[in-house]
Every structure is written in C-alpha cells, then in structure tokens.
Amino acid sequence: MKRNAGGDDRIVRGVLGIWLVVTAGAAYRDGKRERGALAGIAGAGLLWNAVTGFCGGNYLLGVDTTTDSCSVE
C-alpha cells in the first residue's frame, strides 16, 4: 500500500475518526446500538486511514494528497 493521504488530509481524518469513535461510545451507552456500530466502524476506518496514510477511496479515484497540492493521476 503506497501512501496517498497526507498533511491536512490525515489530520482531518484523525480528528473526525476520534469524534466518531466517541460518538459511537455515547450512542452505544444510550442504547442506540445500530447507530453506535455504524459510527464506530466509520471512525475506525478514518483512524486507520490517518495512521497508515492510505485511503482506498483516494486510490480508486487516483487522488494523492501526500504532496502540498492535491493531484489526480
């Protein structure tokens, strides 16, 4: 897996991922298990993107945000 997510893109993914995981915990605690599961899966995916620097969606679209400006190959 070649890195295709970088800079601000990874920061935004990390912040949104943490927010979704916290939201998932709150939803699960309030008895909204389906909503919590969806938020947890989405948050875990975004955190994985932020940690690894690889995004499958970027790969499929040919987008690379590891440079200063976004480029489409």
N, C-alpha and C. Protein backbone atom coordinates (compact mmCIF):
# COMPACT_ATOMS: atom_id res chain seq x y z
N MET A 1 0.83 -1.18 0.00
CA MET A 1 0.00 0.00 0.00
C MET A 1 0.88 1.24 0.00
N LYS A 2 0.79 1.98 -1.08
CA LYS A 2 1.53 3.22 -1.18
C LYS A 2 0.72 4.34 -0.54
N ARG A 3 1.37 5.18 0.22
CA ARG A 3 0.68 6.30 0.87
C ARG A 3 0.07 7.22 -0.18
N ASN A 4 -1.18 7.60 0.03
CA ASN A 4 -1.84 8.55 -0.85
C ASN A 4 -2.65 9.59 -0.08
N ALA A 5 -2.49 9.59 1.24
CA ALA A 5 -3.16 10.58 2.09
C ALA A 5 -2.10 11.21 2.99
N GLY A 6 -2.04 12.52 2.98
CA GLY A 6 -1.02 13.16 3.80
C GLY A 6 -1.43 14.55 4.24
N GLY A 7 -0.60 15.13 5.07
CA GLY A 7 -0.78 16.51 5.52
C GLY A 7 -2.10 16.76 6.22
N ASP A 8 -2.77 17.82 5.77
CA ASP A 8 -4.04 18.21 6.37
C ASP A 8 -5.09 17.12 6.23
N ASP A 9 -5.04 16.36 5.16
CA ASP A 9 -5.99 15.27 4.93
C ASP A 9 -5.94 14.26 6.08
N ARG A 10 -4.75 13.87 6.48
CA ARG A 10 -4.60 12.91 7.58
C ARG A 10 -5.05 13.51 8.91
N ILE A 11 -4.78 14.78 9.13
CA ILE A 11 -5.20 15.43 10.37
C ILE A 11 -6.72 15.46 10.46
N VAL A 12 -7.38 15.84 9.37
CA VAL A 12 -8.84 15.89 9.36
C VAL A 12 -9.42 14.50 9.58
N ARG A 13 -8.86 13.49 8.93
CA ARG A 13 -9.33 12.12 9.12
C ARG A 13 -9.16 11.66 10.57
N GLY A 14 -8.05 12.02 11.18
CA GLY A 14 -7.80 11.65 12.57
C GLY A 14 -8.79 12.30 13.52
N VAL A 15 -9.04 13.59 13.34
CA VAL A 15 -9.97 14.31 14.22
C VAL A 15 -11.39 13.76 14.04
N LEU A 16 -11.83 13.57 12.80
CA LEU A 16 -13.16 13.03 12.55
C LEU A 16 -13.28 11.60 13.07
N GLY A 17 -12.21 10.83 12.92
CA GLY A 17 -12.23 9.46 13.42
C GLY A 17 -12.40 9.40 14.92
N ILE A 18 -11.67 10.23 15.64
CA ILE A 18 -11.79 10.28 17.10
C ILE A 18 -13.21 10.72 17.49
N TRP A 19 -13.72 11.74 16.81
CA TRP A 19 -15.06 12.23 17.11
C TRP A 19 -16.11 11.13 16.89
N LEU A 20 -15.98 10.37 15.78
CA LEU A 20 -16.94 9.31 15.51
C LEU A 20 -16.84 8.17 16.52
N VAL A 21 -15.65 7.85 16.97
CA VAL A 21 -15.50 6.79 17.98
C VAL A 21 -16.12 7.22 19.31
N VAL A 22 -15.93 8.47 19.68
CA VAL A 22 -16.54 8.98 20.91
C VAL A 22 -18.07 8.99 20.76
N THR A 23 -18.56 9.41 19.61
CA THR A 23 -19.99 9.40 19.34
C THR A 23 -20.54 7.98 19.39
N ALA A 24 -19.79 7.03 18.88
CA ALA A 24 -20.21 5.63 18.91
C ALA A 24 -20.36 5.14 20.35
N GLY A 25 -19.41 5.50 21.18
CA GLY A 25 -19.50 5.10 22.59
C GLY A 25 -20.71 5.69 23.28
N ALA A 26 -20.99 6.97 23.00
CA ALA A 26 -22.15 7.62 23.60
C ALA A 26 -23.45 7.01 23.09
N ALA A 27 -23.52 6.72 21.80
CA ALA A 27 -24.73 6.11 21.23
C ALA A 27 -24.94 4.71 21.79
N TYR A 28 -23.88 3.96 21.91
CA TYR A 28 -24.00 2.61 22.45
C TYR A 28 -24.47 2.65 23.91
N ARG A 29 -23.94 3.58 24.67
CA ARG A 29 -24.32 3.73 26.08
C ARG A 29 -25.80 4.11 26.22
N ASP A 30 -26.32 4.89 25.26
CA ASP A 30 -27.72 5.32 25.29
C ASP A 30 -28.67 4.28 24.69
N GLY A 31 -28.15 3.12 24.33
CA GLY A 31 -28.99 2.05 23.81
C GLY A 31 -29.22 2.10 22.31
N LYS A 32 -28.54 2.97 21.60
CA LYS A 32 -28.67 3.08 20.15
C LYS A 32 -27.53 2.29 19.50
N ARG A 33 -27.64 0.97 19.58
CA ARG A 33 -26.54 0.10 19.17
C ARG A 33 -26.23 0.18 17.68
N GLU A 34 -27.27 0.27 16.83
CA GLU A 34 -27.02 0.31 15.39
C GLU A 34 -26.26 1.58 15.01
N ARG A 35 -26.71 2.70 15.56
CA ARG A 35 -26.04 3.98 15.29
C ARG A 35 -24.62 3.96 15.83
N GLY A 36 -24.45 3.38 17.01
CA GLY A 36 -23.11 3.28 17.59
C GLY A 36 -22.18 2.41 16.76
N ALA A 37 -22.72 1.30 16.26
CA ALA A 37 -21.90 0.41 15.43
C ALA A 37 -21.46 1.10 14.14
N LEU A 38 -22.39 1.80 13.49
CA LEU A 38 -22.04 2.49 12.25
C LEU A 38 -21.00 3.59 12.49
N ALA A 39 -21.20 4.37 13.54
CA ALA A 39 -20.25 5.43 13.86
C ALA A 39 -18.89 4.84 14.24
N GLY A 40 -18.90 3.73 14.97
CA GLY A 40 -17.65 3.09 15.36
C GLY A 40 -16.87 2.56 14.17
N ILE A 41 -17.57 1.93 13.24
CA ILE A 41 -16.90 1.39 12.04
C ILE A 41 -16.33 2.53 11.20
N ALA A 42 -17.14 3.59 11.00
CA ALA A 42 -16.66 4.73 10.22
C ALA A 42 -15.46 5.40 10.90
N GLY A 43 -15.54 5.57 12.22
CA GLY A 43 -14.44 6.18 12.95
C GLY A 43 -13.17 5.35 12.90
N ALA A 44 -13.32 4.03 13.04
CA ALA A 44 -12.15 3.15 12.96
C ALA A 44 -11.52 3.21 11.58
N GLY A 45 -12.35 3.29 10.55
CA GLY A 45 -11.83 3.39 9.18
C GLY A 45 -11.05 4.67 8.97
N LEU A 46 -11.59 5.78 9.45
CA LEU A 46 -10.89 7.06 9.30
C LEU A 46 -9.59 7.08 10.10
N LEU A 47 -9.61 6.49 11.30
CA LEU A 47 -8.38 6.43 12.09
C LEU A 47 -7.33 5.56 11.40
N TRP A 48 -7.77 4.46 10.79
CA TRP A 48 -6.84 3.59 10.05
C TRP A 48 -6.22 4.37 8.89
N ASN A 49 -7.03 5.15 8.17
CA ASN A 49 -6.51 5.99 7.08
C ASN A 49 -5.48 6.98 7.60
N ALA A 50 -5.78 7.61 8.74
CA ALA A 50 -4.87 8.61 9.31
C ALA A 50 -3.55 7.99 9.74
N VAL A 51 -3.61 6.80 10.33
CA VAL A 51 -2.39 6.15 10.83
C VAL A 51 -1.54 5.61 9.68
N THR A 52 -2.16 4.95 8.71
CA THR A 52 -1.40 4.31 7.64
C THR A 52 -1.07 5.26 6.50
N GLY A 53 -1.86 6.33 6.34
CA GLY A 53 -1.64 7.25 5.22
C GLY A 53 -2.15 6.70 3.91
N PHE A 54 -2.96 5.66 3.95
CA PHE A 54 -3.52 5.06 2.73
C PHE A 54 -5.04 5.13 2.79
N CYS A 55 -5.64 5.57 1.70
CA CYS A 55 -7.09 5.63 1.59
C CYS A 55 -7.52 4.91 0.32
N GLY A 56 -8.36 3.90 0.48
CA GLY A 56 -8.84 3.15 -0.68
C GLY A 56 -9.64 4.00 -1.64
N GLY A 57 -10.42 4.93 -1.10
CA GLY A 57 -11.19 5.83 -1.96
C GLY A 57 -10.28 6.71 -2.80
N ASN A 58 -9.24 7.26 -2.18
CA ASN A 58 -8.27 8.05 -2.94
C ASN A 58 -7.62 7.20 -4.02
N TYR A 59 -7.30 5.96 -3.68
CA TYR A 59 -6.66 5.06 -4.64
C TYR A 59 -7.56 4.82 -5.85
N LEU A 60 -8.84 4.53 -5.59
CA LEU A 60 -9.77 4.27 -6.69
C LEU A 60 -9.99 5.48 -7.57
N LEU A 61 -9.97 6.67 -6.97
CA LEU A 61 -10.17 7.90 -7.73
C LEU A 61 -8.88 8.47 -8.32
N GLY A 62 -7.74 7.90 -7.95
CA GLY A 62 -6.46 8.38 -8.45
C GLY A 62 -6.02 9.68 -7.80
N VAL A 63 -6.44 9.94 -6.58
CA VAL A 63 -6.11 11.16 -5.86
C VAL A 63 -4.94 10.89 -4.92
N ASP A 64 -3.98 11.83 -4.89
CA ASP A 64 -2.84 11.71 -3.99
C ASP A 64 -2.68 13.03 -3.26
N THR A 65 -2.88 13.02 -1.94
CA THR A 65 -2.78 14.25 -1.15
C THR A 65 -1.50 14.29 -0.31
N THR A 66 -0.50 13.48 -0.67
CA THR A 66 0.74 13.47 0.10
C THR A 66 1.62 14.66 -0.23
N THR A 67 1.39 15.32 -1.33
CA THR A 67 2.16 16.50 -1.69
C THR A 67 1.46 17.74 -1.18
N ASP A 68 2.07 18.90 -1.38
CA ASP A 68 1.48 20.16 -0.92
C ASP A 68 0.13 20.44 -1.58
N SER A 69 0.01 20.09 -2.85
CA SER A 69 -1.26 20.32 -3.53
C SER A 69 -1.83 18.97 -3.98
N CYS A 70 -3.13 18.86 -3.96
CA CYS A 70 -3.78 17.61 -4.37
C CYS A 70 -3.58 17.41 -5.86
N SER A 71 -3.29 16.19 -6.25
CA SER A 71 -3.11 15.91 -7.67
C SER A 71 -3.88 14.65 -8.05
N VAL A 72 -4.39 14.65 -9.25
CA VAL A 72 -5.08 13.49 -9.79
C VAL A 72 -4.21 12.92 -10.87
N GLU A 73 -3.94 11.62 -10.77
CA GLU A 73 -3.03 10.98 -11.73
C GLU A 73 -3.79 10.51 -12.94
